[in-house]
Amino acid sequence: MRLYRAIALLLAVTFAVTGLVFLAAPGQVNVFLDRLGVGAGQALPAADLDSGLFRALAGAYMYLVSLLAWLMFRRPAEPAWPALLAHAKLASAAISFVLFAAHRPYLVYLINGVVDGLLGTLALVLRRQAVRAARQHASRGVPA
């Protein structure tokens, strides 16, 4: 469970930092995408990133996924936390792909879809490990 906990802690910190960037400097998202030099699609207009609603929703979402990752770190034998994280990340990925196809081909939709899809899949793998750990604890009579 050391690797599980290390990944969970890394995710918690990364999600928290990302949330702070969305709140404090949302325009940096476009700067980051420009530095990637990826030519597919277009970045979101800066006005969309600077809106208060985007900042509130993105900040709240990143808080929630940070909390779930932190709970995974603190309680690695509880499969509920990675399951909820997987739901959040896979829903974000699915919505991003739908928006890329149906709204506009913004680069940020595509990148978010791929990254959150991978993170959601990782959370499902970690959930499997948490289930195994919970079973091992139960078989030894140790509370999870």
N, C-alpha and C. Protein backbone atom coordinates (compact mmCIF):
# COMPACT_ATOMS: atom_id res chain seq x y z
N MET A 1 0.81 -1.20 0.00
CA MET A 1 0.00 0.00 0.00
C MET A 1 0.86 1.27 0.00
N ARG A 2 2.19 1.11 0.08
CA ARG A 2 3.04 2.29 0.05
C ARG A 2 2.90 3.06 -1.27
N LEU A 3 2.93 2.32 -2.38
CA LEU A 3 2.79 2.96 -3.68
C LEU A 3 1.41 3.61 -3.80
N TYR A 4 0.37 2.91 -3.36
CA TYR A 4 -0.99 3.44 -3.38
C TYR A 4 -1.03 4.77 -2.64
N ARG A 5 -0.48 4.80 -1.42
CA ARG A 5 -0.51 6.01 -0.61
C ARG A 5 0.31 7.12 -1.24
N ALA A 6 1.45 6.78 -1.83
CA ALA A 6 2.29 7.79 -2.49
C ALA A 6 1.55 8.41 -3.67
N ILE A 7 0.89 7.58 -4.47
CA ILE A 7 0.12 8.09 -5.60
C ILE A 7 -1.03 8.96 -5.11
N ALA A 8 -1.72 8.53 -4.07
CA ALA A 8 -2.84 9.30 -3.53
C ALA A 8 -2.37 10.66 -3.03
N LEU A 9 -1.25 10.70 -2.33
CA LEU A 9 -0.71 11.97 -1.84
C LEU A 9 -0.31 12.87 -3.00
N LEU A 10 0.35 12.31 -4.00
CA LEU A 10 0.74 13.09 -5.17
C LEU A 10 -0.50 13.67 -5.87
N LEU A 11 -1.54 12.86 -6.00
CA LEU A 11 -2.78 13.35 -6.62
C LEU A 11 -3.39 14.47 -5.80
N ALA A 12 -3.45 14.30 -4.48
CA ALA A 12 -4.04 15.32 -3.62
C ALA A 12 -3.31 16.66 -3.77
N VAL A 13 -1.99 16.62 -3.75
CA VAL A 13 -1.20 17.85 -3.88
C VAL A 13 -1.39 18.46 -5.27
N THR A 14 -1.33 17.63 -6.30
CA THR A 14 -1.48 18.13 -7.67
C THR A 14 -2.86 18.75 -7.88
N PHE A 15 -3.90 18.08 -7.40
CA PHE A 15 -5.26 18.63 -7.55
C PHE A 15 -5.40 19.94 -6.79
N ALA A 16 -4.83 20.03 -5.59
CA ALA A 16 -4.92 21.25 -4.80
C ALA A 16 -4.20 22.41 -5.49
N VAL A 17 -3.02 22.15 -6.02
CA VAL A 17 -2.27 23.20 -6.73
C VAL A 17 -3.03 23.64 -7.97
N THR A 18 -3.58 22.69 -8.70
CA THR A 18 -4.36 23.02 -9.90
C THR A 18 -5.56 23.88 -9.52
N GLY A 19 -6.24 23.53 -8.45
CA GLY A 19 -7.37 24.32 -7.98
C GLY A 19 -6.97 25.74 -7.63
N LEU A 20 -5.82 25.89 -6.99
CA LEU A 20 -5.34 27.23 -6.65
C LEU A 20 -5.02 28.04 -7.90
N VAL A 21 -4.46 27.38 -8.92
CA VAL A 21 -4.19 28.08 -10.19
C VAL A 21 -5.50 28.53 -10.82
N PHE A 22 -6.51 27.66 -10.83
CA PHE A 22 -7.81 28.04 -11.40
C PHE A 22 -8.41 29.23 -10.66
N LEU A 23 -8.24 29.27 -9.35
CA LEU A 23 -8.80 30.37 -8.57
C LEU A 23 -7.99 31.66 -8.72
N ALA A 24 -6.69 31.57 -8.58
CA ALA A 24 -5.86 32.76 -8.52
C ALA A 24 -5.41 33.29 -9.87
N ALA A 25 -5.14 32.40 -10.81
CA ALA A 25 -4.58 32.82 -12.11
C ALA A 25 -5.11 31.95 -13.23
N PRO A 26 -6.42 32.00 -13.50
CA PRO A 26 -6.98 31.10 -14.51
C PRO A 26 -6.42 31.32 -15.91
N GLY A 27 -5.94 32.50 -16.21
CA GLY A 27 -5.35 32.75 -17.53
C GLY A 27 -4.08 31.94 -17.77
N GLN A 28 -3.46 31.45 -16.70
CA GLN A 28 -2.24 30.65 -16.84
C GLN A 28 -2.54 29.31 -17.54
N VAL A 29 -3.80 28.90 -17.56
CA VAL A 29 -4.16 27.66 -18.27
C VAL A 29 -3.82 27.82 -19.74
N ASN A 30 -4.21 28.95 -20.34
CA ASN A 30 -3.88 29.19 -21.75
C ASN A 30 -2.38 29.32 -21.96
N VAL A 31 -1.69 29.97 -21.04
CA VAL A 31 -0.22 30.09 -21.14
C VAL A 31 0.40 28.70 -21.15
N PHE A 32 -0.06 27.83 -20.25
CA PHE A 32 0.45 26.46 -20.18
C PHE A 32 0.18 25.72 -21.49
N LEU A 33 -1.02 25.84 -22.02
CA LEU A 33 -1.36 25.16 -23.27
C LEU A 33 -0.52 25.69 -24.43
N ASP A 34 -0.27 27.00 -24.45
CA ASP A 34 0.59 27.57 -25.49
C ASP A 34 2.00 27.00 -25.41
N ARG A 35 2.50 26.83 -24.18
CA ARG A 35 3.86 26.30 -24.00
C ARG A 35 3.96 24.84 -24.42
N LEU A 36 2.85 24.11 -24.32
CA LEU A 36 2.87 22.72 -24.78
C LEU A 36 3.12 22.65 -26.28
N GLY A 37 2.66 23.67 -27.00
CA GLY A 37 2.88 23.70 -28.44
C GLY A 37 2.05 22.69 -29.19
N VAL A 38 0.94 22.26 -28.60
CA VAL A 38 0.08 21.30 -29.27
C VAL A 38 -0.78 22.06 -30.27
N GLY A 39 -0.78 21.60 -31.53
CA GLY A 39 -1.48 22.33 -32.58
C GLY A 39 -2.93 21.95 -32.80
N ALA A 40 -3.44 20.91 -32.13
CA ALA A 40 -4.82 20.48 -32.37
C ALA A 40 -5.79 21.36 -31.62
N GLY A 41 -6.82 21.85 -32.30
CA GLY A 41 -7.87 22.62 -31.64
C GLY A 41 -7.39 24.01 -31.27
N GLN A 42 -8.20 24.68 -30.47
CA GLN A 42 -7.85 26.02 -30.02
C GLN A 42 -8.07 26.08 -28.52
N ALA A 43 -7.32 26.95 -27.86
CA ALA A 43 -7.47 27.10 -26.42
C ALA A 43 -8.76 27.86 -26.13
N LEU A 44 -9.21 27.79 -24.90
CA LEU A 44 -10.40 28.55 -24.51
C LEU A 44 -10.12 30.04 -24.56
N PRO A 45 -11.12 30.84 -24.92
CA PRO A 45 -10.93 32.29 -24.85
C PRO A 45 -10.65 32.69 -23.40
N ALA A 46 -9.76 33.66 -23.22
CA ALA A 46 -9.37 34.07 -21.86
C ALA A 46 -10.57 34.53 -21.05
N ALA A 47 -11.55 35.16 -21.68
CA ALA A 47 -12.71 35.64 -20.94
C ALA A 47 -13.45 34.49 -20.27
N ASP A 48 -13.50 33.33 -20.91
CA ASP A 48 -14.17 32.18 -20.31
C ASP A 48 -13.44 31.72 -19.05
N LEU A 49 -12.11 31.76 -19.09
CA LEU A 49 -11.31 31.32 -17.95
C LEU A 49 -11.38 32.30 -16.80
N ASP A 50 -11.53 33.57 -17.08
CA ASP A 50 -11.53 34.58 -16.03
C ASP A 50 -12.90 34.77 -15.38
N SER A 51 -13.93 34.12 -15.91
CA SER A 51 -15.26 34.32 -15.33
C SER A 51 -15.31 33.79 -13.90
N GLY A 52 -16.07 34.48 -13.08
CA GLY A 52 -16.22 34.06 -11.68
C GLY A 52 -16.84 32.69 -11.56
N LEU A 53 -17.78 32.36 -12.44
CA LEU A 53 -18.43 31.06 -12.36
C LEU A 53 -17.44 29.94 -12.65
N PHE A 54 -16.62 30.09 -13.69
CA PHE A 54 -15.61 29.08 -14.00
C PHE A 54 -14.69 28.89 -12.80
N ARG A 55 -14.24 29.98 -12.24
CA ARG A 55 -13.32 29.90 -11.11
C ARG A 55 -13.96 29.22 -9.91
N ALA A 56 -15.21 29.54 -9.62
CA ALA A 56 -15.90 28.93 -8.48
C ALA A 56 -16.09 27.43 -8.70
N LEU A 57 -16.58 27.07 -9.87
CA LEU A 57 -16.85 25.65 -10.15
C LEU A 57 -15.56 24.84 -10.24
N ALA A 58 -14.56 25.38 -10.93
CA ALA A 58 -13.29 24.67 -11.05
C ALA A 58 -12.61 24.55 -9.70
N GLY A 59 -12.64 25.61 -8.92
CA GLY A 59 -12.04 25.56 -7.58
C GLY A 59 -12.73 24.56 -6.68
N ALA A 60 -14.07 24.54 -6.72
CA ALA A 60 -14.83 23.59 -5.90
C ALA A 60 -14.57 22.15 -6.34
N TYR A 61 -14.54 21.92 -7.63
CA TYR A 61 -14.28 20.57 -8.14
C TYR A 61 -12.89 20.10 -7.74
N MET A 62 -11.90 20.97 -7.89
CA MET A 62 -10.53 20.59 -7.53
C MET A 62 -10.41 20.38 -6.01
N TYR A 63 -11.16 21.15 -5.23
CA TYR A 63 -11.18 20.90 -3.78
C TYR A 63 -11.71 19.50 -3.50
N LEU A 64 -12.81 19.15 -4.16
CA LEU A 64 -13.43 17.84 -3.92
C LEU A 64 -12.49 16.70 -4.31
N VAL A 65 -11.88 16.77 -5.48
CA VAL A 65 -11.00 15.67 -5.89
C VAL A 65 -9.73 15.65 -5.03
N SER A 66 -9.28 16.82 -4.55
CA SER A 66 -8.15 16.84 -3.61
C SER A 66 -8.52 16.14 -2.32
N LEU A 67 -9.72 16.42 -1.83
CA LEU A 67 -10.20 15.79 -0.60
C LEU A 67 -10.31 14.28 -0.77
N LEU A 68 -10.85 13.82 -1.88
CA LEU A 68 -10.97 12.38 -2.13
C LEU A 68 -9.59 11.72 -2.18
N ALA A 69 -8.64 12.36 -2.86
CA ALA A 69 -7.29 11.80 -2.92
C ALA A 69 -6.64 11.80 -1.53
N TRP A 70 -6.88 12.85 -0.75
CA TRP A 70 -6.35 12.90 0.62
C TRP A 70 -6.94 11.78 1.47
N LEU A 71 -8.26 11.54 1.33
CA LEU A 71 -8.89 10.45 2.07
C LEU A 71 -8.34 9.10 1.63
N MET A 72 -8.00 8.97 0.36
CA MET A 72 -7.35 7.74 -0.11
C MET A 72 -6.01 7.56 0.59
N PHE A 73 -5.27 8.64 0.73
CA PHE A 73 -3.97 8.58 1.40
C PHE A 73 -4.14 8.22 2.87
N ARG A 74 -5.10 8.83 3.53
CA ARG A 74 -5.30 8.60 4.96
C ARG A 74 -5.91 7.24 5.28
N ARG A 75 -6.79 6.76 4.40
CA ARG A 75 -7.51 5.50 4.63
C ARG A 75 -7.42 4.61 3.39
N PRO A 76 -6.26 4.05 3.14
CA PRO A 76 -6.04 3.33 1.89
C PRO A 76 -6.86 2.05 1.72
N ALA A 77 -7.42 1.51 2.78
CA ALA A 77 -8.18 0.26 2.67
C ALA A 77 -9.68 0.53 2.50
N GLU A 78 -10.07 1.78 2.24
CA GLU A 78 -11.48 2.10 2.01
C GLU A 78 -11.69 2.35 0.52
N PRO A 79 -12.33 1.42 -0.17
CA PRO A 79 -12.48 1.54 -1.63
C PRO A 79 -13.47 2.62 -2.08
N ALA A 80 -14.23 3.18 -1.15
CA ALA A 80 -15.20 4.22 -1.54
C ALA A 80 -14.50 5.46 -2.09
N TRP A 81 -13.36 5.83 -1.51
CA TRP A 81 -12.70 7.07 -1.92
C TRP A 81 -12.18 6.98 -3.36
N PRO A 82 -11.43 5.96 -3.75
CA PRO A 82 -11.01 5.91 -5.16
C PRO A 82 -12.18 5.70 -6.11
N ALA A 83 -13.25 5.04 -5.64
CA ALA A 83 -14.43 4.86 -6.51
C ALA A 83 -15.07 6.22 -6.81
N LEU A 84 -15.20 7.05 -5.78
CA LEU A 84 -15.77 8.39 -5.99
C LEU A 84 -14.86 9.25 -6.86
N LEU A 85 -13.56 9.14 -6.64
CA LEU A 85 -12.61 9.89 -7.48
C LEU A 85 -12.72 9.44 -8.93
N ALA A 86 -12.85 8.14 -9.16
CA ALA A 86 -13.01 7.63 -10.52
C ALA A 86 -14.27 8.19 -11.16
N HIS A 87 -15.37 8.21 -10.42
CA HIS A 87 -16.61 8.78 -10.96
C HIS A 87 -16.41 10.25 -11.36
N ALA A 88 -15.77 11.03 -10.49
CA ALA A 88 -15.57 12.45 -10.77
C ALA A 88 -14.70 12.64 -12.02
N LYS A 89 -13.60 11.92 -12.09
CA LYS A 89 -12.66 12.11 -13.20
C LYS A 89 -13.22 11.57 -14.51
N LEU A 90 -13.90 10.42 -14.47
CA LEU A 90 -14.45 9.86 -15.70
C LEU A 90 -15.63 10.70 -16.21
N ALA A 91 -16.42 11.27 -15.28
CA ALA A 91 -17.50 12.17 -15.70
C ALA A 91 -16.93 13.42 -16.34
N SER A 92 -15.87 13.97 -15.75
CA SER A 92 -15.21 15.14 -16.32
C SER A 92 -14.67 14.84 -17.72
N ALA A 93 -14.06 13.66 -17.87
CA ALA A 93 -13.52 13.26 -19.17
C ALA A 93 -14.64 13.14 -20.21
N ALA A 94 -15.71 12.46 -19.84
CA ALA A 94 -16.82 12.26 -20.79
C ALA A 94 -17.43 13.60 -21.21
N ILE A 95 -17.65 14.48 -20.25
CA ILE A 95 -18.22 15.79 -20.57
C ILE A 95 -17.27 16.59 -21.45
N SER A 96 -15.99 16.50 -21.17
CA SER A 96 -15.01 17.22 -21.99
C SER A 96 -15.02 16.74 -23.44
N PHE A 97 -15.10 15.42 -23.64
CA PHE A 97 -15.15 14.90 -25.01
C PHE A 97 -16.44 15.32 -25.72
N VAL A 98 -17.56 15.32 -25.00
CA VAL A 98 -18.83 15.77 -25.58
C VAL A 98 -18.73 17.24 -25.97
N LEU A 99 -18.17 18.06 -25.10
CA LEU A 99 -18.03 19.49 -25.42
C LEU A 99 -17.08 19.70 -26.59
N PHE A 100 -16.01 18.92 -26.66
CA PHE A 100 -15.08 19.03 -27.78
C PHE A 100 -15.81 18.75 -29.10
N ALA A 101 -16.67 17.74 -29.09
CA ALA A 101 -17.39 17.35 -30.31
C ALA A 101 -18.59 18.25 -30.60
N ALA A 102 -19.34 18.62 -29.57
CA ALA A 102 -20.62 19.29 -29.79
C ALA A 102 -20.56 20.81 -29.63
N HIS A 103 -19.64 21.31 -28.84
CA HIS A 103 -19.57 22.76 -28.61
C HIS A 103 -18.56 23.40 -29.55
N ARG A 104 -17.29 23.25 -29.22
CA ARG A 104 -16.21 23.76 -30.06
C ARG A 104 -14.98 22.89 -29.82
N PRO A 105 -14.12 22.76 -30.80
CA PRO A 105 -12.93 21.92 -30.62
C PRO A 105 -11.82 22.63 -29.84
N TYR A 106 -12.15 23.09 -28.65
CA TYR A 106 -11.14 23.74 -27.80
C TYR A 106 -10.13 22.70 -27.33
N LEU A 107 -8.88 23.07 -27.40
CA LEU A 107 -7.79 22.19 -26.99
C LEU A 107 -7.94 21.75 -25.53
N VAL A 108 -8.38 22.65 -24.69
CA VAL A 108 -8.49 22.34 -23.27
C VAL A 108 -9.53 21.22 -23.03
N TYR A 109 -10.58 21.15 -23.85
CA TYR A 109 -11.55 20.05 -23.71
C TYR A 109 -10.87 18.72 -24.00
N LEU A 110 -10.11 18.69 -25.08
CA LEU A 110 -9.45 17.46 -25.49
C LEU A 110 -8.41 17.02 -24.45
N ILE A 111 -7.58 17.95 -24.01
CA ILE A 111 -6.56 17.62 -23.01
C ILE A 111 -7.21 17.16 -21.72
N ASN A 112 -8.23 17.88 -21.26
CA ASN A 112 -8.89 17.49 -20.02
C ASN A 112 -9.55 16.12 -20.16
N GLY A 113 -10.14 15.85 -21.31
CA GLY A 113 -10.75 14.54 -21.53
C GLY A 113 -9.75 13.40 -21.42
N VAL A 114 -8.60 13.59 -22.04
CA VAL A 114 -7.57 12.55 -22.01
C VAL A 114 -6.98 12.40 -20.60
N VAL A 115 -6.59 13.53 -20.00
CA VAL A 115 -5.96 13.48 -18.67
C VAL A 115 -6.93 12.93 -17.63
N ASP A 116 -8.16 13.45 -17.60
CA ASP A 116 -9.10 12.96 -16.59
C ASP A 116 -9.53 11.52 -16.88
N GLY A 117 -9.56 11.12 -18.13
CA GLY A 117 -9.84 9.71 -18.44
C GLY A 117 -8.75 8.80 -17.88
N LEU A 118 -7.51 9.22 -18.04
CA LEU A 118 -6.39 8.43 -17.48
C LEU A 118 -6.42 8.44 -15.95
N LEU A 119 -6.72 9.59 -15.36
CA LEU A 119 -6.79 9.66 -13.89
C LEU A 119 -7.96 8.84 -13.36
N GLY A 120 -9.08 8.84 -14.05
CA GLY A 120 -10.22 8.02 -13.65
C GLY A 120 -9.89 6.54 -13.73
N THR A 121 -9.18 6.15 -14.76
CA THR A 121 -8.76 4.76 -14.90
C THR A 121 -7.77 4.39 -13.79
N LEU A 122 -6.83 5.29 -13.49
CA LEU A 122 -5.91 5.06 -12.39
C LEU A 122 -6.66 4.90 -11.07
N ALA A 123 -7.68 5.71 -10.85
CA ALA A 123 -8.48 5.61 -9.62
C ALA A 123 -9.18 4.25 -9.54
N LEU A 124 -9.62 3.72 -10.67
CA LEU A 124 -10.24 2.39 -10.67
C LEU A 124 -9.23 1.30 -10.31
N VAL A 125 -8.01 1.44 -10.81
CA VAL A 125 -6.95 0.49 -10.46
C VAL A 125 -6.64 0.58 -8.97
N LEU A 126 -6.56 1.80 -8.45
CA LEU A 126 -6.31 1.99 -7.03
C LEU A 126 -7.46 1.46 -6.18
N ARG A 127 -8.67 1.58 -6.68
CA ARG A 127 -9.82 1.03 -5.97
C ARG A 127 -9.68 -0.48 -5.80
N ARG A 128 -9.21 -1.14 -6.86
CA ARG A 128 -8.99 -2.58 -6.79
C ARG A 128 -7.99 -2.93 -5.69
N GLN A 129 -6.95 -2.13 -5.59
CA GLN A 129 -5.96 -2.36 -4.53
C GLN A 129 -6.57 -2.13 -3.15
N ALA A 130 -7.42 -1.12 -3.03
CA ALA A 130 -8.07 -0.83 -1.74
C ALA A 130 -9.00 -1.98 -1.34
N VAL A 131 -9.70 -2.54 -2.32
CA VAL A 131 -10.58 -3.69 -2.04
C VAL A 131 -9.75 -4.87 -1.53
N ARG A 132 -8.62 -5.13 -2.20
CA ARG A 132 -7.73 -6.21 -1.75
C ARG A 132 -7.22 -5.96 -0.33
N ALA A 133 -6.84 -4.75 -0.05
CA ALA A 133 -6.34 -4.41 1.29
C ALA A 133 -7.43 -4.56 2.33
N ALA A 134 -8.65 -4.16 1.99
CA ALA A 134 -9.76 -4.29 2.93
C ALA A 134 -10.04 -5.76 3.21
N ARG A 135 -9.97 -6.60 2.18
CA ARG A 135 -10.19 -8.04 2.38
C ARG A 135 -9.09 -8.65 3.26
N GLN A 136 -7.86 -8.23 3.02
CA GLN A 136 -6.76 -8.74 3.85
C GLN A 136 -6.94 -8.34 5.30
N HIS A 137 -7.33 -7.11 5.53
CA HIS A 137 -7.56 -6.63 6.91
C HIS A 137 -8.70 -7.40 7.55
N ALA A 138 -9.76 -7.63 6.79
CA ALA A 138 -10.92 -8.34 7.32
C ALA A 138 -10.57 -9.79 7.67
N SER A 139 -9.74 -10.41 6.81
CA SER A 139 -9.38 -11.80 7.07
C SER A 139 -8.49 -11.96 8.30
N ARG A 140 -7.80 -10.88 8.66
CA ARG A 140 -6.95 -10.89 9.85
C ARG A 140 -7.67 -10.32 11.08
N GLY A 141 -8.89 -9.87 10.88
CA GLY A 141 -9.64 -9.28 11.98
C GLY A 141 -9.19 -7.89 12.33
N VAL A 142 -8.52 -7.22 11.40
CA VAL A 142 -8.04 -5.85 11.62
C VAL A 142 -9.04 -4.89 10.99
N PRO A 143 -9.53 -3.88 11.73
CA PRO A 143 -10.44 -2.91 11.12
C PRO A 143 -9.74 -2.11 10.04
N ALA A 144 -10.46 -1.79 8.97
CA ALA A 144 -9.88 -1.08 7.82
C ALA A 144 -9.47 0.31 8.12
